[in-house]
Amino acid sequence: MINKMNKKSIVGSLLFVFVFASFVLILSGCSPSGPGGSTHLDSGTSGVDASFFDNVPPSQIYDSQKLTIPVKVVNKGTFDTTATVYLVGFDKNILQGQNSKTVSLKGVSQSLPIGDIKEITFDLMPHLPNDADHFSPPINLYICYPYETKHTFSVCVSSSPTYTVSKAQCNPNQAYSYSGGQGAPVAVTSISQTPGQGMTTFNIQIANVGGGEVIDPSKVSSCLSTNEMDLNKVKVVSVTMPGVSSMSCSPKEVYLVNGKGQFTCTAHFNTNTNGPQVTALNVILDYGYKKLESSKMINIIKSVR
């Protein structure tokens, strides 16, 4: 009898342990990932993307048919913006109708973890010339929009260049590299720093990681007619850090070469940091972005009348 009771007790205890362990695992699986409960919403290398739906536009239509083209637009980055979608590549006298539309989209956030998704529709009507029996134009899908890269980086700083690395909590000479983006098509890829007396100089490397073209933010409304002088411009809006009396950056406008660029910022400290310490470096960059998303050929055939 005692053995039976012991067996029941053991089985009951094991069952309790199993249920408790499962409950802990479920809770841990639901908790935010990363230090400080970060959910890494500000990662990724996309801004706003646009795409045709499957089998749209069709490969062939008659000139008596209206061409309806729905387009899906998604803001995969973290910045709220207004994007303009264009259908171009064809003679507007032959395919007539509105070929551009603007849409406002919220970025990824805690309340909107996948970003805004919207559908817009273009209606075009073929008008073939009298002497033409068919017309085969490309339909190119472009998207243009202003965007912002905004991110906070953890860096090690010291108000004095003389310190003992072995006793320090962090190394103010350390260089940091970043991959995976910051929820935008332009990303900070590395930060290196040089400590001085009462100051630290940061060298910040950036890159175009979104697969499109960076353009002057003031040229977004005329993005399809930009020239070489309008491309690859990124504006350094602000670089801030707590506990500094001033922060100066140069240049204020970065020109990307082969998709990459850099700028430097010097921070002057209010007081002595009492040795190396980890702090927050906040970086905000502004730019315009243009991308050819898709291209499809369509054959327009003159209908028999």
C-alpha atoms as a PDB file:
ATOM      1  CA  MET A   1       0.000   0.000   0.000  1.00  0.00           C
ATOM      2  CA  ILE A   2       2.845   2.345   0.941  1.00  0.00           C
ATOM      3  CA  ASN A   3       4.631   1.538  -2.317  1.00  0.00           C
ATOM      4  CA  LYS A   4       1.504   2.352  -4.289  1.00  0.00           C
ATOM      5  CA  MET A   5       1.120   5.671  -2.458  1.00  0.00           C
ATOM      6  CA  ASN A   6       4.774   6.499  -3.064  1.00  0.00           C
ATOM      7  CA  LYS A   7       4.378   5.740  -6.757  1.00  0.00           C
ATOM      8  CA  LYS A   8       1.328   7.981  -6.949  1.00  0.00           C
ATOM      9  CA  SER A   9       3.190  10.749  -5.136  1.00  0.00           C
ATOM     10  CA  ILE A  10       6.172  10.440  -7.470  1.00  0.00           C
ATOM     11  CA  VAL A  11       3.959  10.471 -10.559  1.00  0.00           C
ATOM     12  CA  GLY A  12       2.071  13.485  -9.228  1.00  0.00           C
ATOM     13  CA  SER A  13       5.304  15.335  -8.524  1.00  0.00           C
ATOM     14  CA  LEU A  14       6.686  14.596 -11.979  1.00  0.00           C
ATOM     15  CA  LEU A  15       3.429  15.764 -13.571  1.00  0.00           C
ATOM     16  CA  PHE A  16       3.578  19.021 -11.591  1.00  0.00           C
ATOM     17  CA  VAL A  17       7.194  19.615 -12.643  1.00  0.00           C
ATOM     18  CA  PHE A  18       6.309  18.951 -16.305  1.00  0.00           C
ATOM     19  CA  VAL A  19       3.317  21.319 -16.250  1.00  0.00           C
ATOM     20  CA  PHE A  20       5.313  24.035 -14.455  1.00  0.00           C
ATOM     21  CA  ALA A  21       8.228  23.739 -16.900  1.00  0.00           C
ATOM     22  CA  SER A  22       5.847  23.956 -19.872  1.00  0.00           C
ATOM     23  CA  PHE A  23       4.238  27.053 -18.383  1.00  0.00           C
ATOM     24  CA  VAL A  24       7.638  28.728 -17.940  1.00  0.00           C
ATOM     25  CA  LEU A  25       8.595  27.901 -21.522  1.00  0.00           C
ATOM     26  CA  ILE A  26       5.357  29.393 -22.829  1.00  0.00           C
ATOM     27  CA  LEU A  27       5.909  32.572 -20.849  1.00  0.00           C
ATOM     28  CA  SER A  28       9.497  32.899 -22.013  1.00  0.00           C
ATOM     29  CA  GLY A  29       8.401  32.384 -25.611  1.00  0.00           C
ATOM     30  CA  CYS A  30       5.912  35.231 -25.306  1.00  0.00           C
ATOM     31  CA  SER A  31       8.310  37.722 -23.726  1.00  0.00           C
ATOM     32  CA  PRO A  32      10.074  40.424 -25.800  1.00  0.00           C
ATOM     33  CA  SER A  33      13.423  39.382 -27.245  1.00  0.00           C
ATOM     34  CA  GLY A  34      16.777  40.986 -26.659  1.00  0.00           C
ATOM     35  CA  PRO A  35      18.183  43.085 -23.804  1.00  0.00           C
ATOM     36  CA  GLY A  36      15.798  45.544 -22.270  1.00  0.00           C
ATOM     37  CA  GLY A  37      12.774  43.891 -23.874  1.00  0.00           C
ATOM     38  CA  SER A  38      13.641  45.054 -27.389  1.00  0.00           C
ATOM     39  CA  THR A  39      11.488  43.598 -30.130  1.00  0.00           C
ATOM     40  CA  HIS A  40      13.855  44.787 -32.897  1.00  0.00           C
ATOM     41  CA  LEU A  41      11.128  46.644 -34.783  1.00  0.00           C
ATOM     42  CA  ASP A  42      13.736  49.075 -36.087  1.00  0.00           C
ATOM     43  CA  SER A  43      15.629  46.495 -38.126  1.00  0.00           C
ATOM     44  CA  GLY A  44      15.460  45.637 -41.812  1.00  0.00           C
ATOM     45  CA  THR A  45      16.643  47.347 -44.993  1.00  0.00           C
ATOM     46  CA  SER A  46      13.333  48.312 -46.622  1.00  0.00           C
ATOM     47  CA  GLY A  47      11.306  51.491 -46.669  1.00  0.00           C
ATOM     48  CA  VAL A  48       8.169  51.460 -48.837  1.00  0.00           C
ATOM     49  CA  ASP A  49       7.668  48.665 -51.384  1.00  0.00           C
ATOM     50  CA  ALA A  50       5.138  48.417 -54.209  1.00  0.00           C
ATOM     51  CA  SER A  51       4.201  45.354 -56.240  1.00  0.00           C
ATOM     52  CA  PHE A  52       1.832  44.119 -58.918  1.00  0.00           C
ATOM     53  CA  PHE A  53      -0.593  41.364 -58.021  1.00  0.00           C
ATOM     54  CA  ASP A  54      -0.293  37.967 -59.700  1.00  0.00           C
ATOM     55  CA  ASN A  55      -1.170  37.978 -63.427  1.00  0.00           C
ATOM     56  CA  VAL A  56      -1.623  41.768 -63.377  1.00  0.00           C
ATOM     57  CA  PRO A  57      -1.294  43.484 -65.726  1.00  0.00           C
ATOM     58  CA  PRO A  58      -2.361  40.752 -68.170  1.00  0.00           C
ATOM     59  CA  SER A  59       0.021  39.861 -70.972  1.00  0.00           C
ATOM     60  CA  GLN A  60      -2.569  40.741 -73.648  1.00  0.00           C
ATOM     61  CA  ILE A  61      -5.732  42.841 -73.999  1.00  0.00           C
ATOM     62  CA  TYR A  62      -7.839  44.311 -76.815  1.00  0.00           C
ATOM     63  CA  ASP A  63      -7.908  48.041 -77.375  1.00  0.00           C
ATOM     64  CA  SER A  64     -11.616  48.060 -76.505  1.00  0.00           C
ATOM     65  CA  GLN A  65     -10.862  46.849 -72.966  1.00  0.00           C
ATOM     66  CA  LYS A  66     -10.101  49.064 -69.987  1.00  0.00           C
ATOM     67  CA  LEU A  67      -6.816  48.104 -68.359  1.00  0.00           C
ATOM     68  CA  THR A  68      -7.242  47.972 -64.564  1.00  0.00           C
ATOM     69  CA  ILE A  69      -4.024  47.552 -62.580  1.00  0.00           C
ATOM     70  CA  PRO A  70      -4.180  47.179 -58.778  1.00  0.00           C
ATOM     71  CA  VAL A  71      -0.925  47.768 -56.883  1.00  0.00           C
ATOM     72  CA  LYS A  72      -0.071  46.772 -53.314  1.00  0.00           C
ATOM     73  CA  VAL A  73       1.956  49.310 -51.319  1.00  0.00           C
ATOM     74  CA  VAL A  74       3.615  48.360 -48.001  1.00  0.00           C
ATOM     75  CA  ASN A  75       5.637  50.450 -45.561  1.00  0.00           C
ATOM     76  CA  LYS A  76       8.125  47.924 -44.171  1.00  0.00           C
ATOM     77  CA  GLY A  77      10.267  50.537 -42.399  1.00  0.00           C
ATOM     78  CA  THR A  78       9.751  52.584 -39.248  1.00  0.00           C
ATOM     79  CA  PHE A  79       9.086  56.058 -40.681  1.00  0.00           C
ATOM     80  CA  ASP A  80       5.613  57.450 -41.439  1.00  0.00           C
ATOM     81  CA  THR A  81       5.679  58.796 -44.990  1.00  0.00           C
ATOM     82  CA  THR A  82       3.770  59.634 -48.147  1.00  0.00           C
ATOM     83  CA  ALA A  83       4.773  57.680 -51.253  1.00  0.00           C
ATOM     84  CA  THR A  84       3.977  58.270 -54.910  1.00  0.00           C
ATOM     85  CA  VAL A  85       3.530  55.264 -57.196  1.00  0.00           C
ATOM     86  CA  TYR A  86       4.093  55.689 -60.949  1.00  0.00           C
ATOM     87  CA  LEU A  87       3.256  53.595 -64.003  1.00  0.00           C
ATOM     88  CA  VAL A  88       5.619  54.678 -66.791  1.00  0.00           C
ATOM     89  CA  GLY A  89       7.432  53.399 -69.881  1.00  0.00           C
ATOM     90  CA  PHE A  90       4.551  53.727 -72.342  1.00  0.00           C
ATOM     91  CA  ASP A  91       3.187  56.458 -74.618  1.00  0.00           C
ATOM     92  CA  LYS A  92       0.498  58.296 -72.641  1.00  0.00           C
ATOM     93  CA  ASN A  93      -1.319  59.088 -75.885  1.00  0.00           C
ATOM     94  CA  ILE A  94      -1.848  55.376 -76.476  1.00  0.00           C
ATOM     95  CA  LEU A  95      -2.485  54.293 -72.869  1.00  0.00           C
ATOM     96  CA  GLN A  96      -4.506  57.136 -71.406  1.00  0.00           C
ATOM     97  CA  GLY A  97      -5.410  57.722 -67.784  1.00  0.00           C
ATOM     98  CA  GLN A  98      -3.888  58.704 -64.454  1.00  0.00           C
ATOM     99  CA  ASN A  99      -0.443  57.149 -64.177  1.00  0.00           C
ATOM    100  CA  SER A 100       0.567  58.313 -60.682  1.00  0.00           C
ATOM    101  CA  LYS A 101      -1.074  58.086 -57.277  1.00  0.00           C
ATOM    102  CA  THR A 102      -0.013  59.153 -53.791  1.00  0.00           C
ATOM    103  CA  VAL A 103      -0.653  57.237 -50.601  1.00  0.00           C
ATOM    104  CA  SER A 104       0.134  57.909 -46.921  1.00  0.00           C
ATOM    105  CA  LEU A 105       1.557  55.020 -44.929  1.00  0.00           C
ATOM    106  CA  LYS A 106       2.416  54.563 -41.272  1.00  0.00           C
ATOM    107  CA  GLY A 107       5.649  52.785 -40.442  1.00  0.00           C
ATOM    108  CA  VAL A 108       6.290  49.730 -38.325  1.00  0.00           C
ATOM    109  CA  SER A 109       5.597  50.258 -34.612  1.00  0.00           C
ATOM    110  CA  GLN A 110       4.504  48.366 -31.507  1.00  0.00           C
ATOM    111  CA  SER A 111       0.878  48.960 -32.474  1.00  0.00           C
ATOM    112  CA  LEU A 112       1.498  48.221 -36.177  1.00  0.00           C
ATOM    113  CA  PRO A 113       4.193  45.505 -36.257  1.00  0.00           C
ATOM    114  CA  ILE A 114       3.980  44.838 -40.006  1.00  0.00           C
ATOM    115  CA  GLY A 115       3.520  48.445 -41.166  1.00  0.00           C
ATOM    116  CA  ASP A 116       0.772  49.976 -43.264  1.00  0.00           C
ATOM    117  CA  ILE A 117      -0.508  47.982 -46.273  1.00  0.00           C
ATOM    118  CA  LYS A 118      -2.707  49.710 -48.854  1.00  0.00           C
ATOM    119  CA  GLU A 119      -4.035  48.969 -52.323  1.00  0.00           C
ATOM    120  CA  ILE A 120      -4.317  51.532 -55.082  1.00  0.00           C
ATOM    121  CA  THR A 121      -5.825  51.031 -58.539  1.00  0.00           C
ATOM    122  CA  PHE A 122      -4.902  52.489 -61.915  1.00  0.00           C
ATOM    123  CA  ASP A 123      -7.408  52.559 -64.800  1.00  0.00           C
ATOM    124  CA  LEU A 124      -5.936  53.032 -68.270  1.00  0.00           C
ATOM    125  CA  MET A 125      -7.728  53.017 -71.612  1.00  0.00           C
ATOM    126  CA  PRO A 126      -5.950  51.978 -74.835  1.00  0.00           C
ATOM    127  CA  HIS A 127      -6.182  54.249 -77.898  1.00  0.00           C
ATOM    128  CA  LEU A 128      -4.315  52.620 -80.752  1.00  0.00           C
ATOM    129  CA  PRO A 129      -3.443  54.771 -83.782  1.00  0.00           C
ATOM    130  CA  ASN A 130      -5.609  54.070 -86.837  1.00  0.00           C
ATOM    131  CA  ASP A 131      -2.727  52.491 -88.728  1.00  0.00           C
ATOM    132  CA  ALA A 132      -1.590  50.241 -85.882  1.00  0.00           C
ATOM    133  CA  ASP A 133      -2.940  46.732 -85.338  1.00  0.00           C
ATOM    134  CA  HIS A 134      -1.093  46.232 -82.047  1.00  0.00           C
ATOM    135  CA  PHE A 135       1.116  47.967 -79.485  1.00  0.00           C
ATOM    136  CA  SER A 136       3.471  46.246 -77.008  1.00  0.00           C
ATOM    137  CA  PRO A 137       4.705  48.691 -74.358  1.00  0.00           C
ATOM    138  CA  PRO A 138       6.427  47.986 -71.051  1.00  0.00           C
ATOM    139  CA  ILE A 139       4.624  49.002 -67.878  1.00  0.00           C
ATOM    140  CA  ASN A 140       7.217  50.011 -65.306  1.00  0.00           C
ATOM    141  CA  LEU A 141       6.247  50.321 -61.657  1.00  0.00           C
ATOM    142  CA  TYR A 142       8.219  53.010 -59.797  1.00  0.00           C
ATOM    143  CA  ILE A 143       7.866  54.283 -56.256  1.00  0.00           C
ATOM    144  CA  CYS A 144       9.308  57.485 -54.759  1.00  0.00           C
ATOM    145  CA  TYR A 145       9.118  58.762 -51.189  1.00  0.00           C
ATOM    146  CA  PRO A 146      10.895  60.809 -48.512  1.00  0.00           C
ATOM    147  CA  TYR A 147      12.301  58.705 -45.686  1.00  0.00           C
ATOM    148  CA  GLU A 148      14.218  58.860 -42.448  1.00  0.00           C
ATOM    149  CA  THR A 149      16.693  56.599 -40.676  1.00  0.00           C
ATOM    150  CA  LYS A 150      16.413  57.080 -36.929  1.00  0.00           C
ATOM    151  CA  HIS A 151      18.258  54.842 -34.492  1.00  0.00           C
ATOM    152  CA  THR A 152      19.912  54.832 -31.076  1.00  0.00           C
ATOM    153  CA  PHE A 153      23.285  53.094 -30.805  1.00  0.00           C
ATOM    154  CA  SER A 154      25.067  52.018 -27.635  1.00  0.00           C
ATOM    155  CA  VAL A 155      28.631  53.369 -27.631  1.00  0.00           C
ATOM    156  CA  CYS A 156      31.486  53.540 -25.127  1.00  0.00           C
ATOM    157  CA  VAL A 157      32.843  57.029 -24.374  1.00  0.00           C
ATOM    158  CA  SER A 158      35.424  58.588 -22.093  1.00  0.00           C
ATOM    159  CA  SER A 159      36.217  62.226 -21.343  1.00  0.00           C
ATOM    160  CA  SER A 160      39.889  61.310 -20.984  1.00  0.00           C
ATOM    161  CA  PRO A 161      42.112  59.424 -23.430  1.00  0.00           C
ATOM    162  CA  THR A 162      44.153  58.035 -20.511  1.00  0.00           C
ATOM    163  CA  TYR A 163      42.555  54.976 -18.934  1.00  0.00           C
ATOM    164  CA  THR A 164      43.342  51.367 -18.164  1.00  0.00           C
ATOM    165  CA  VAL A 165      41.467  49.082 -20.551  1.00  0.00           C
ATOM    166  CA  SER A 166      41.705  46.109 -18.211  1.00  0.00           C
ATOM    167  CA  LYS A 167      39.875  48.042 -15.491  1.00  0.00           C
ATOM    168  CA  ALA A 168      37.343  49.712 -17.732  1.00  0.00           C
ATOM    169  CA  GLN A 169      33.785  48.500 -18.209  1.00  0.00           C
ATOM    170  CA  CYS A 170      34.064  49.170 -21.951  1.00  0.00           C
ATOM    171  CA  ASN A 171      36.634  50.242 -24.539  1.00  0.00           C
ATOM    172  CA  PRO A 172      36.196  53.804 -25.927  1.00  0.00           C
ATOM    173  CA  ASN A 173      38.488  52.917 -28.841  1.00  0.00           C
ATOM    174  CA  GLN A 174      36.160  50.135 -29.939  1.00  0.00           C
ATOM    175  CA  ALA A 175      34.732  50.104 -33.466  1.00  0.00           C
ATOM    176  CA  TYR A 176      31.183  48.862 -34.000  1.00  0.00           C
ATOM    177  CA  SER A 177      29.764  47.268 -37.133  1.00  0.00           C
ATOM    178  CA  TYR A 178      26.066  46.805 -37.889  1.00  0.00           C
ATOM    179  CA  SER A 179      24.225  44.540 -40.314  1.00  0.00           C
ATOM    180  CA  GLY A 180      20.546  44.001 -40.973  1.00  0.00           C
ATOM    181  CA  GLY A 181      19.669  47.694 -41.235  1.00  0.00           C
ATOM    182  CA  GLN A 182      17.699  50.017 -38.963  1.00  0.00           C
ATOM    183  CA  GLY A 183      14.223  49.798 -40.480  1.00  0.00           C
ATOM    184  CA  ALA A 184      15.062  51.977 -43.491  1.00  0.00           C
ATOM    185  CA  PRO A 185      16.775  51.743 -46.909  1.00  0.00           C
ATOM    186  CA  VAL A 186      19.780  53.790 -45.721  1.00  0.00           C
ATOM    187  CA  ALA A 187      21.655  52.317 -42.761  1.00  0.00           C
ATOM    188  CA  VAL A 188      24.513  53.070 -40.426  1.00  0.00           C
ATOM    189  CA  THR A 189      26.973  50.258 -41.098  1.00  0.00           C
ATOM    190  CA  SER A 190      29.769  51.115 -38.654  1.00  0.00           C
ATOM    191  CA  ILE A 191      30.817  53.577 -35.954  1.00  0.00           C
ATOM    192  CA  SER A 192      34.420  54.078 -34.843  1.00  0.00           C
ATOM    193  CA  GLN A 193      35.583  56.620 -32.306  1.00  0.00           C
ATOM    194  CA  THR A 194      38.655  58.425 -31.060  1.00  0.00           C
ATOM    195  CA  PRO A 195      38.639  59.678 -27.441  1.00  0.00           C
ATOM    196  CA  GLY A 196      40.330  63.004 -26.597  1.00  0.00           C
ATOM    197  CA  GLN A 197      40.588  65.227 -23.556  1.00  0.00           C
ATOM    198  CA  GLY A 198      36.988  66.180 -22.746  1.00  0.00           C
ATOM    199  CA  MET A 199      35.762  65.014 -26.135  1.00  0.00           C
ATOM    200  CA  THR A 200      35.168  62.058 -28.442  1.00  0.00           C
ATOM    201  CA  THR A 201      35.116  62.025 -32.249  1.00  0.00           C
ATOM    202  CA  PHE A 202      32.858  59.533 -34.020  1.00  0.00           C
ATOM    203  CA  ASN A 203      33.366  58.354 -37.575  1.00  0.00           C
ATOM    204  CA  ILE A 204      29.979  57.138 -38.869  1.00  0.00           C
ATOM    205  CA  GLN A 205      29.745  55.030 -42.033  1.00  0.00           C
ATOM    206  CA  ILE A 206      26.437  54.805 -43.896  1.00  0.00           C
ATOM    207  CA  ALA A 207      25.225  52.878 -46.951  1.00  0.00           C
ATOM    208  CA  ASN A 208      22.311  52.500 -49.344  1.00  0.00           C
ATOM    209  CA  VAL A 209      20.992  49.028 -48.476  1.00  0.00           C
ATOM    210  CA  GLY A 210      17.481  49.158 -49.971  1.00  0.00           C
ATOM    211  CA  GLY A 211      18.113  48.197 -53.601  1.00  0.00           C
ATOM    212  CA  GLY A 212      16.948  51.528 -55.026  1.00  0.00           C
ATOM    213  CA  GLU A 213      18.374  55.012 -55.550  1.00  0.00           C
ATOM    214  CA  VAL A 214      18.959  57.648 -52.883  1.00  0.00           C
ATOM    215  CA  ILE A 215      17.880  61.096 -54.063  1.00  0.00           C
ATOM    216  CA  ASP A 216      17.921  64.629 -52.724  1.00  0.00           C
ATOM    217  CA  PRO A 217      14.926  64.839 -50.324  1.00  0.00           C
ATOM    218  CA  SER A 218      13.843  68.098 -51.987  1.00  0.00           C
ATOM    219  CA  LYS A 219      13.552  66.306 -55.364  1.00  0.00           C
ATOM    220  CA  VAL A 220      11.102  63.565 -54.369  1.00  0.00           C
ATOM    221  CA  SER A 221       8.157  65.241 -56.128  1.00  0.00           C
ATOM    222  CA  SER A 222      10.118  65.228 -59.412  1.00  0.00           C
ATOM    223  CA  CYS A 223      11.925  61.944 -58.819  1.00  0.00           C
ATOM    224  CA  LEU A 224      11.487  60.580 -62.353  1.00  0.00           C
ATOM    225  CA  SER A 225      13.333  63.539 -63.865  1.00  0.00           C
ATOM    226  CA  THR A 226      16.298  63.717 -61.503  1.00  0.00           C
ATOM    227  CA  ASN A 227      19.835  64.187 -62.789  1.00  0.00           C
ATOM    228  CA  GLU A 228      23.206  63.065 -61.450  1.00  0.00           C
ATOM    229  CA  MET A 229      23.420  66.082 -59.145  1.00  0.00           C
ATOM    230  CA  ASP A 230      20.195  65.022 -57.399  1.00  0.00           C
ATOM    231  CA  LEU A 231      21.327  61.469 -56.607  1.00  0.00           C
ATOM    232  CA  ASN A 232      23.063  59.949 -53.579  1.00  0.00           C
ATOM    233  CA  LYS A 233      22.400  62.804 -51.148  1.00  0.00           C
ATOM    234  CA  VAL A 234      21.784  62.036 -47.473  1.00  0.00           C
ATOM    235  CA  LYS A 235      21.131  64.850 -44.978  1.00  0.00           C
ATOM    236  CA  VAL A 236      22.527  64.511 -41.460  1.00  0.00           C
ATOM    237  CA  VAL A 237      19.591  65.910 -39.469  1.00  0.00           C
ATOM    238  CA  SER A 238      20.979  65.382 -35.972  1.00  0.00           C
ATOM    239  CA  VAL A 239      23.393  63.344 -33.898  1.00  0.00           C
ATOM    240  CA  THR A 240      22.856  63.698 -30.150  1.00  0.00           C
ATOM    241  CA  MET A 241      24.128  62.153 -26.943  1.00  0.00           C
ATOM    242  CA  PRO A 242      23.257  62.849 -23.287  1.00  0.00           C
ATOM    243  CA  GLY A 243      25.782  64.692 -21.135  1.00  0.00           C
ATOM    244  CA  VAL A 244      27.475  66.690 -23.887  1.00  0.00           C
ATOM    245  CA  SER A 245      27.790  70.477 -24.135  1.00  0.00           C
ATOM    246  CA  SER A 246      27.972  70.412 -27.921  1.00  0.00           C
ATOM    247  CA  MET A 247      27.961  68.017 -30.873  1.00  0.00           C
ATOM    248  CA  SER A 248      29.249  69.159 -34.264  1.00  0.00           C
ATOM    249  CA  CYS A 249      29.052  67.028 -37.423  1.00  0.00           C
ATOM    250  CA  SER A 250      30.651  67.393 -40.833  1.00  0.00           C
ATOM    251  CA  PRO A 251      29.589  67.261 -43.575  1.00  0.00           C
ATOM    252  CA  LYS A 252      25.921  68.029 -43.022  1.00  0.00           C
ATOM    253  CA  GLU A 253      25.107  66.517 -46.403  1.00  0.00           C
ATOM    254  CA  VAL A 254      26.750  63.217 -47.311  1.00  0.00           C
ATOM    255  CA  TYR A 255      27.296  62.198 -50.935  1.00  0.00           C
ATOM    256  CA  LEU A 256      27.282  58.449 -51.393  1.00  0.00           C
ATOM    257  CA  VAL A 257      29.926  56.978 -53.691  1.00  0.00           C
ATOM    258  CA  ASN A 258      29.166  53.444 -54.869  1.00  0.00           C
ATOM    259  CA  GLY A 259      26.351  53.445 -52.344  1.00  0.00           C
ATOM    260  CA  LYS A 260      28.544  54.357 -49.345  1.00  0.00           C
ATOM    261  CA  GLY A 261      29.479  57.496 -47.432  1.00  0.00           C
ATOM    262  CA  GLN A 262      30.693  58.772 -44.092  1.00  0.00           C
ATOM    263  CA  PHE A 263      30.665  61.759 -41.760  1.00  0.00           C
ATOM    264  CA  THR A 264      32.296  62.655 -38.446  1.00  0.00           C
ATOM    265  CA  CYS A 265      30.810  64.083 -35.260  1.00  0.00           C
ATOM    266  CA  THR A 266      32.713  65.495 -32.279  1.00  0.00           C
ATOM    267  CA  ALA A 267      31.108  65.474 -28.838  1.00  0.00           C
ATOM    268  CA  HIS A 268      32.350  67.804 -26.075  1.00  0.00           C
ATOM    269  CA  PHE A 269      31.461  66.612 -22.572  1.00  0.00           C
ATOM    270  CA  ASN A 270      29.912  68.785 -19.861  1.00  0.00           C
ATOM    271  CA  THR A 271      31.816  67.023 -17.087  1.00  0.00           C
ATOM    272  CA  ASN A 272      34.357  64.273 -16.601  1.00  0.00           C
ATOM    273  CA  THR A 273      32.824  60.855 -17.281  1.00  0.00           C
ATOM    274  CA  ASN A 274      34.908  59.247 -14.514  1.00  0.00           C
ATOM    275  CA  GLY A 275      36.245  56.630 -16.865  1.00  0.00           C
ATOM    276  CA  PRO A 276      34.780  54.863 -19.869  1.00  0.00           C
ATOM    277  CA  GLN A 277      31.017  54.340 -19.837  1.00  0.00           C
ATOM    278  CA  VAL A 278      28.287  53.132 -22.165  1.00  0.00           C
ATOM    279  CA  THR A 279      25.862  55.782 -23.421  1.00  0.00           C
ATOM    280  CA  ALA A 280      23.349  56.381 -26.225  1.00  0.00           C
ATOM    281  CA  LEU A 281      24.209  57.932 -29.591  1.00  0.00           C
ATOM    282  CA  ASN A 282      21.073  59.054 -31.443  1.00  0.00           C
ATOM    283  CA  VAL A 283      21.371  59.404 -35.223  1.00  0.00           C
ATOM    284  CA  ILE A 284      18.755  60.844 -37.618  1.00  0.00           C
ATOM    285  CA  LEU A 285      19.261  60.896 -41.407  1.00  0.00           C
ATOM    286  CA  ASP A 286      16.906  62.263 -44.078  1.00  0.00           C
ATOM    287  CA  TYR A 287      16.785  61.458 -47.806  1.00  0.00           C
ATOM    288  CA  GLY A 288      14.520  60.686 -50.710  1.00  0.00           C
ATOM    289  CA  TYR A 289      14.242  57.230 -52.229  1.00  0.00           C
ATOM    290  CA  LYS A 290      13.364  55.974 -55.720  1.00  0.00           C
ATOM    291  CA  LYS A 291      12.997  52.381 -56.820  1.00  0.00           C
ATOM    292  CA  LEU A 292      11.953  50.486 -59.935  1.00  0.00           C
ATOM    293  CA  GLU A 293       9.834  47.759 -58.384  1.00  0.00           C
ATOM    294  CA  SER A 294       8.677  45.781 -61.411  1.00  0.00           C
ATOM    295  CA  SER A 295       8.354  45.840 -65.193  1.00  0.00           C
ATOM    296  CA  LYS A 296       5.898  43.904 -67.360  1.00  0.00           C
ATOM    297  CA  MET A 297       5.218  43.830 -71.087  1.00  0.00           C
ATOM    298  CA  ILE A 298       1.659  43.984 -72.374  1.00  0.00           C
ATOM    299  CA  ASN A 299       0.397  43.387 -75.913  1.00  0.00           C
ATOM    300  CA  ILE A 300      -2.540  45.576 -76.963  1.00  0.00           C
ATOM    301  CA  ILE A 301      -4.377  44.195 -80.005  1.00  0.00           C
ATOM    302  CA  LYS A 302      -6.775  46.179 -82.166  1.00  0.00           C
ATOM    303  CA  SER A 303     -10.240  44.679 -81.892  1.00  0.00           C
ATOM    304  CA  VAL A 304     -12.319  43.899 -84.977  1.00  0.00           C
ATOM    305  CA  ARG A 305     -14.970  46.539 -85.491  1.00  0.00           C
END
